[in-house]
Protein backbone atom coordinates (compact mmCIF):
# COMPACT_ATOMS: atom_id res chain seq x y z
CA MET A 1 22.50 -20.12 15.74
CA THR A 2 21.32 -19.87 12.12
CA LYS A 3 18.28 -17.68 11.51
CA LYS A 4 15.76 -19.22 9.14
CA ILE A 5 14.11 -16.87 6.64
CA LEU A 6 11.05 -18.60 5.24
CA VAL A 7 9.86 -17.39 1.85
CA ALA A 8 6.27 -18.61 1.72
CA THR A 9 4.77 -17.83 -1.68
CA GLU A 10 1.79 -19.55 -3.26
CA LYS A 11 2.72 -17.36 -6.27
CA PRO A 12 6.51 -17.82 -6.33
CA PHE A 13 9.18 -15.22 -6.94
CA ALA A 14 10.97 -15.47 -10.27
CA PRO A 15 14.09 -17.68 -10.16
CA ASP A 16 16.34 -14.65 -10.73
CA ALA A 17 14.72 -12.92 -7.75
CA ILE A 18 15.40 -15.90 -5.48
CA SER A 19 19.00 -15.96 -6.69
CA GLN A 20 19.44 -12.26 -5.87
CA MET A 21 17.76 -12.70 -2.49
CA LYS A 22 20.19 -15.46 -1.58
CA LYS A 23 23.11 -13.25 -2.59
CA VAL A 24 22.16 -10.80 0.16
CA ILE A 25 23.08 -13.42 2.78
CA ALA A 26 25.77 -15.21 0.77
CA ASP A 27 28.52 -14.06 3.14
CA LYS A 28 26.42 -14.50 6.29
CA SER A 29 26.67 -18.03 7.63
CA ASP A 30 24.13 -17.34 10.37
CA TYR A 31 21.23 -16.83 7.91
CA ALA A 32 19.48 -19.33 5.66
CA ILE A 33 16.63 -18.94 3.19
CA GLU A 34 14.09 -21.74 2.82
CA LEU A 35 11.32 -21.79 0.23
CA LEU A 36 7.70 -22.85 0.45
CA GLU A 37 6.31 -22.40 -3.05
CA LYS A 38 2.97 -23.19 -4.70
CA TYR A 39 1.57 -24.62 -1.48
CA THR A 40 -2.10 -25.58 -1.51
CA GLU A 41 -3.01 -25.95 2.17
CA VAL A 42 -2.63 -23.63 5.17
CA SER A 43 -1.33 -26.64 7.08
CA GLN A 44 1.74 -26.67 4.81
CA PHE A 45 2.34 -23.01 5.62
CA LYS A 46 1.96 -23.66 9.36
CA ASP A 47 4.38 -26.57 9.27
CA ALA A 48 7.02 -24.58 7.38
CA VAL A 49 6.82 -21.53 9.63
CA LYS A 50 7.17 -23.43 12.92
CA ASP A 51 10.90 -22.87 13.25
CA ALA A 52 11.20 -19.70 11.14
CA ASP A 53 12.80 -16.58 12.61
CA ALA A 54 11.62 -14.39 9.71
CA LEU A 55 8.91 -14.67 7.09
CA ILE A 56 8.63 -13.19 3.61
CA ILE A 57 5.27 -13.29 1.82
CA ARG A 58 3.70 -11.83 -1.29
CA SER A 59 -0.10 -12.09 -1.53
CA ASP A 60 -0.08 -14.89 1.04
CA LYS A 61 -2.02 -14.34 4.26
CA ALA A 62 -0.09 -14.06 7.51
CA THR A 63 -3.04 -14.77 9.78
CA ARG A 64 -3.25 -15.23 13.52
CA GLU A 65 -3.47 -18.96 12.88
CA VAL A 66 -0.18 -18.91 10.98
CA MET A 67 1.50 -16.81 13.68
CA ASP A 68 0.23 -19.15 16.39
CA ALA A 69 2.15 -21.93 14.66
CA ALA A 70 5.35 -19.87 14.47
CA GLN A 71 7.27 -20.47 17.68
CA LYS A 72 10.30 -18.29 16.90
CA LEU A 73 8.97 -15.71 14.48
CA LYS A 74 10.24 -12.16 15.05
CA ILE A 75 9.55 -10.39 11.74
CA ILE A 76 7.20 -10.64 8.74
CA VAL A 77 7.93 -8.74 5.55
CA ARG A 78 5.33 -8.34 2.84
CA ALA A 79 7.29 -8.03 -0.42
CA GLY A 80 5.22 -5.20 -1.85
CA ALA A 81 3.44 -2.05 -0.75
CA GLY A 82 0.08 -3.32 0.50
CA TYR A 83 0.01 -5.20 3.79
CA ASP A 84 -3.65 -5.90 4.48
CA ASN A 85 -2.83 -9.61 4.19
CA ILE A 86 -0.98 -9.41 7.53
CA ASP A 87 -2.99 -9.57 10.74
CA LEU A 88 -1.32 -6.55 12.31
CA ALA A 89 -3.14 -6.85 15.64
CA ALA A 90 -1.99 -10.44 16.05
CA ALA A 91 1.57 -9.50 15.08
CA SER A 92 1.65 -6.71 17.67
CA GLU A 93 0.25 -8.96 20.39
CA LYS A 94 2.98 -11.48 19.67
CA ASN A 95 5.74 -8.84 19.44
CA ILE A 96 6.30 -9.65 15.79
CA VAL A 97 7.49 -6.75 13.63
CA ALA A 98 5.49 -6.42 10.40
CA MET A 99 6.99 -4.58 7.43
CA ASN A 100 6.30 -3.86 3.77
CA THR A 101 8.73 -2.87 1.00
CA PRO A 102 7.28 0.42 -0.30
CA GLY A 103 8.32 1.66 -3.70
CA GLN A 104 9.85 -1.57 -4.96
CA ASN A 105 6.90 -2.52 -7.19
CA SER A 106 5.80 1.02 -8.02
CA ASN A 107 6.96 1.29 -11.62
CA ALA A 108 5.61 -2.15 -12.50
CA VAL A 109 2.16 -1.27 -11.13
CA ALA A 110 2.18 2.13 -12.82
CA GLU A 111 3.09 0.66 -16.20
CA LEU A 112 0.26 -1.85 -15.86
CA ALA A 113 -2.20 0.93 -15.00
CA LEU A 114 -1.30 2.91 -18.13
CA GLY A 115 -1.27 -0.26 -20.22
CA MET A 116 -4.81 -1.05 -19.14
CA MET A 117 -5.85 2.53 -19.95
CA VAL A 118 -4.53 2.12 -23.49
CA TYR A 119 -6.29 -1.25 -23.77
CA MET A 120 -9.65 0.23 -22.83
CA ALA A 121 -9.14 3.43 -24.85
CA ARG A 122 -8.57 1.25 -27.93
CA CYS A 123 -11.73 -0.79 -27.27
CA LYS A 124 -9.77 -3.82 -26.10
CA PHE A 125 -8.12 -4.00 -29.54
CA ASN A 126 -11.31 -5.30 -31.14
CA GLY A 127 -10.73 -3.51 -34.43
CA LYS A 128 -13.11 -0.62 -33.77
CA SER A 129 -12.05 3.00 -33.60
CA GLY A 130 -10.97 4.02 -30.12
CA SER A 131 -9.59 7.17 -28.53
CA GLU A 132 -6.22 8.56 -27.46
CA LEU A 133 -4.83 9.39 -24.04
CA LEU A 134 -3.26 12.61 -25.30
CA GLY A 135 -4.99 15.60 -23.75
CA LYS A 136 -7.21 13.53 -21.46
CA LYS A 137 -7.42 14.35 -17.77
CA ILE A 138 -6.22 11.67 -15.37
CA GLY A 139 -6.89 11.77 -11.64
CA ILE A 140 -4.59 9.97 -9.23
CA HIS A 141 -6.45 8.91 -6.11
CA ALA A 142 -3.63 8.69 -3.52
CA TYR A 143 -0.24 10.09 -4.43
CA GLY A 144 2.14 7.54 -2.96
CA ASN A 145 4.97 5.76 -4.73
CA VAL A 146 2.71 4.18 -7.34
CA GLY A 147 0.66 7.33 -7.86
CA LYS A 148 3.83 9.33 -8.41
CA ALA A 149 5.00 6.80 -11.02
CA VAL A 150 1.61 6.90 -12.76
CA ALA A 151 1.89 10.69 -12.95
CA ARG A 152 5.35 10.47 -14.53
CA ILE A 153 4.22 8.03 -17.22
CA ALA A 154 0.88 9.78 -17.86
CA LYS A 155 2.70 13.04 -18.51
CA GLY A 156 4.71 11.19 -21.16
CA PHE A 157 1.41 10.39 -22.89
CA GLY A 158 0.53 14.07 -22.82
CA MET A 159 -2.25 13.70 -20.27
CA GLU A 160 -3.31 16.43 -17.84
CA VAL A 161 -2.51 15.03 -14.41
CA TYR A 162 -4.50 15.76 -11.25
CA ALA A 163 -4.15 14.23 -7.79
CA PHE A 164 -5.89 14.05 -4.44
CA ASP A 165 -4.08 12.91 -1.32
CA PRO A 166 -4.68 14.65 2.04
CA PHE A 167 -1.58 12.97 3.46
CA VAL A 168 0.89 14.45 0.95
CA ALA A 169 1.79 18.14 1.00
CA ALA A 170 0.38 20.01 -1.98
CA ASP A 171 3.72 21.61 -2.83
CA LYS A 172 5.35 18.18 -3.16
CA ILE A 173 2.70 17.08 -5.63
CA GLU A 174 2.83 20.34 -7.56
CA ALA A 175 6.63 20.03 -7.80
CA ASP A 176 6.01 17.04 -10.09
CA GLY A 177 3.90 19.15 -12.42
CA VAL A 178 0.66 17.67 -11.07
CA LYS A 179 -2.44 19.74 -10.27
CA VAL A 180 -3.79 19.28 -6.74
CA VAL A 181 -7.54 19.14 -6.15
CA GLY A 182 -9.23 19.80 -2.83
CA SER A 183 -11.51 16.77 -2.56
CA VAL A 184 -12.22 13.28 -3.83
CA GLU A 185 -15.42 14.60 -5.39
CA GLU A 186 -13.53 17.23 -7.37
CA LEU A 187 -11.05 14.64 -8.63
CA TYR A 188 -13.76 12.36 -10.00
CA ARG A 189 -15.92 15.03 -11.63
CA THR A 190 -12.83 16.57 -13.28
CA CYS A 191 -11.08 13.53 -14.76
CA HIS A 192 -11.79 11.21 -17.68
CA TYR A 193 -9.54 8.59 -16.10
CA VAL A 194 -9.09 7.89 -12.41
CA SER A 195 -6.27 5.64 -11.21
CA LEU A 196 -6.94 4.17 -7.77
CA HIS A 197 -4.13 3.65 -5.26
CA ILE A 198 -5.85 3.80 -1.87
CA PRO A 199 -5.44 1.04 0.74
CA ALA A 200 -8.34 -1.09 1.93
CA ASN A 201 -9.27 -0.11 5.48
CA ASP A 202 -12.36 0.73 7.50
CA LYS A 203 -12.57 4.20 5.97
CA THR A 204 -11.98 3.24 2.35
CA LYS A 205 -13.84 -0.04 1.89
CA LYS A 206 -16.76 0.44 -0.53
CA SER A 207 -15.95 4.15 -0.63
CA ILE A 208 -15.89 4.25 -4.43
CA ASN A 209 -19.63 4.50 -4.85
CA PHE A 210 -22.25 5.38 -7.45
CA ASP A 211 -22.28 9.12 -6.78
CA LEU A 212 -18.52 9.39 -7.28
CA LEU A 213 -18.52 7.27 -10.41
CA ASN A 214 -21.54 8.96 -11.93
CA SER A 215 -19.92 12.37 -11.51
CA MET A 216 -17.13 11.44 -13.91
CA PRO A 217 -17.16 12.98 -17.42
CA LYS A 218 -18.47 11.18 -20.50
CA GLY A 219 -16.18 8.35 -21.58
CA ALA A 220 -14.95 7.77 -18.02
CA VAL A 221 -12.58 4.93 -17.17
CA LEU A 222 -11.82 3.77 -13.62
CA VAL A 223 -8.51 1.89 -13.26
CA ASN A 224 -8.03 -0.09 -10.06
CA THR A 225 -4.59 -1.48 -9.21
CA ALA A 226 -5.27 -1.13 -5.48
CA ARG A 227 -7.74 -3.46 -3.73
CA LYS A 228 -11.12 -4.81 -4.79
CA GLU A 229 -12.61 -4.02 -1.38
CA VAL A 230 -12.51 -0.26 -1.98
CA ILE A 231 -15.12 -0.60 -4.73
CA CYS A 232 -18.81 -0.76 -3.86
CA GLU A 233 -19.74 -3.58 -6.23
CA GLU A 234 -23.45 -2.78 -6.24
CA SER A 235 -22.55 0.75 -7.31
CA MET A 236 -20.31 -0.61 -10.04
CA LYS A 237 -23.13 -2.76 -11.43
CA LYS A 238 -25.45 0.25 -11.29
CA ILE A 239 -23.13 2.68 -13.08
CA LEU A 240 -22.27 0.20 -15.84
CA ALA A 241 -25.98 -0.40 -16.40
CA ALA A 242 -26.85 3.30 -16.30
CA ARG A 243 -24.04 4.61 -18.51
CA ASN A 244 -22.90 2.81 -21.63
CA ASP A 245 -19.89 5.15 -21.84
CA PHE A 246 -18.41 4.02 -18.50
CA LYS A 247 -15.57 1.49 -18.32
CA TYR A 248 -13.91 -0.35 -15.44
CA VAL A 249 -10.59 -2.16 -15.51
CA SER A 250 -8.72 -3.78 -12.65
CA ASP A 251 -5.86 -6.13 -11.94
CA ILE A 252 -7.89 -7.76 -9.20
CA ALA A 253 -11.26 -9.17 -10.13
CA PRO A 254 -14.29 -8.16 -8.06
CA ASP A 255 -16.47 -10.82 -6.48
CA CYS A 256 -19.07 -10.08 -9.15
CA ALA A 257 -16.59 -10.42 -12.03
CA GLU A 258 -18.52 -13.20 -13.74
CA GLU A 259 -21.69 -11.11 -13.78
CA LEU A 260 -19.89 -8.00 -15.03
CA ASN A 261 -18.10 -9.91 -17.76
CA LYS A 262 -21.40 -11.40 -18.88
CA ASP A 263 -23.38 -8.16 -18.93
CA PHE A 264 -20.71 -5.60 -19.88
CA ALA A 265 -18.00 -7.57 -21.66
CA ASP A 266 -16.97 -4.70 -23.92
CA ARG A 267 -16.53 -2.24 -21.02
CA VAL A 268 -14.80 -4.22 -18.27
CA TYR A 269 -11.54 -6.11 -18.04
CA PHE A 270 -9.91 -7.97 -15.15
CA THR A 271 -6.48 -9.59 -15.27
CA PRO A 272 -6.48 -13.34 -14.44
CA LYS A 273 -4.50 -12.69 -11.24
CA LYS A 274 -3.23 -9.59 -9.48
CA MET A 275 -0.53 -8.63 -11.96
CA GLY A 276 0.77 -5.27 -10.74
CA ALA A 277 4.05 -6.60 -9.39
CA GLN A 278 4.46 -9.37 -11.93
CA THR A 279 7.65 -8.25 -13.63
CA GLU A 280 11.14 -9.66 -13.26
CA GLU A 281 12.40 -6.28 -12.09
CA ALA A 282 9.72 -5.85 -9.43
CA ASN A 283 10.22 -9.43 -8.26
CA ILE A 284 13.90 -8.79 -7.73
CA ASN A 285 13.47 -5.35 -6.18
CA ALA A 286 10.85 -6.41 -3.63
CA GLY A 287 12.49 -9.74 -2.79
CA VAL A 288 15.94 -8.26 -2.26
CA ALA A 289 14.51 -5.39 -0.20
CA ALA A 290 12.65 -7.88 2.01
CA VAL A 291 15.80 -9.85 2.80
CA GLU A 292 17.84 -6.68 3.36
CA GLN A 293 15.23 -5.35 5.77
CA ILE A 294 15.23 -8.61 7.73
CA VAL A 295 19.02 -8.59 8.05
CA ALA A 296 18.99 -4.90 9.05
CA TYR A 297 16.39 -5.64 11.71
CA PHE A 298 18.33 -8.52 13.27
CA GLU A 299 21.73 -6.83 12.95
CA ASN A 300 20.84 -3.23 13.85
CA GLY A 301 17.29 -3.21 15.17
CA ASP A 302 16.22 -1.22 12.08
CA THR A 303 12.42 -0.86 11.96
CA THR A 304 12.23 1.84 9.28
CA PHE A 305 9.47 0.10 7.32
CA GLN A 306 7.49 -1.28 10.25
CA VAL A 307 3.72 -0.99 9.72
CA ASN A 308 2.41 -2.18 13.09
CA LYS A 309 4.00 0.42 15.34
């Protein structure tokens, strides 16, 4: 019986990515890829997933409601690193394997982070004199795949690179020529730039607060390509009001974006949509990896990238 892989993406993959994804199963007659793109209602998602054996999503939300509608679903793959848009508890209850595709979007996100740093350092290209990244200290908050890529590119700019990640061995970080600090507090008070890569969970939500931000050196820039929920928005308003040298840039707009843009237009910038993975290369890498992981799961029981163990 043919296994249906539903690709449900309100923000579709690039055409080349879809083509490469289909090539993965080109010689497998017992798999078929179906697309649900640019949908506008959850009901459309629920209808499409009813007979799906596997599901691939991007920023789309795999909620309990969606899983309740999926009568055959065995695996969900989030094409990207973050997976807080999957209800992991519901997936586990229903014996659905949830996976991500770590590392596939890392370079794209890292390049965006450095690009936004340049944009803010040069005063948003408004014609005024800005500053250079050369010699500045950058702190990487969480040294995963993206953090590692940020370090590589930042070193190319001649920046001094620091990192904090209690889950990565210090010698592994130091092997990349990165200086390890002992605490989050030390990272922020040391670095002119901080690049955020932490997940959004009960421990991290609103953890980036006024005290941390205010400890940063003069001319500080916070770059967030992670999740908006990790920022305490009241603290962000407070620090921007208190320090006219502080800047904040993110590829996911906070809930208070309109207010921040109105009051601090020269010192904040938010991309129109979450843009970290929006490159042709990242599209292809993450999409192909998602299909390969689904096939490996069904063919060999491979759960290497399972996130709801």
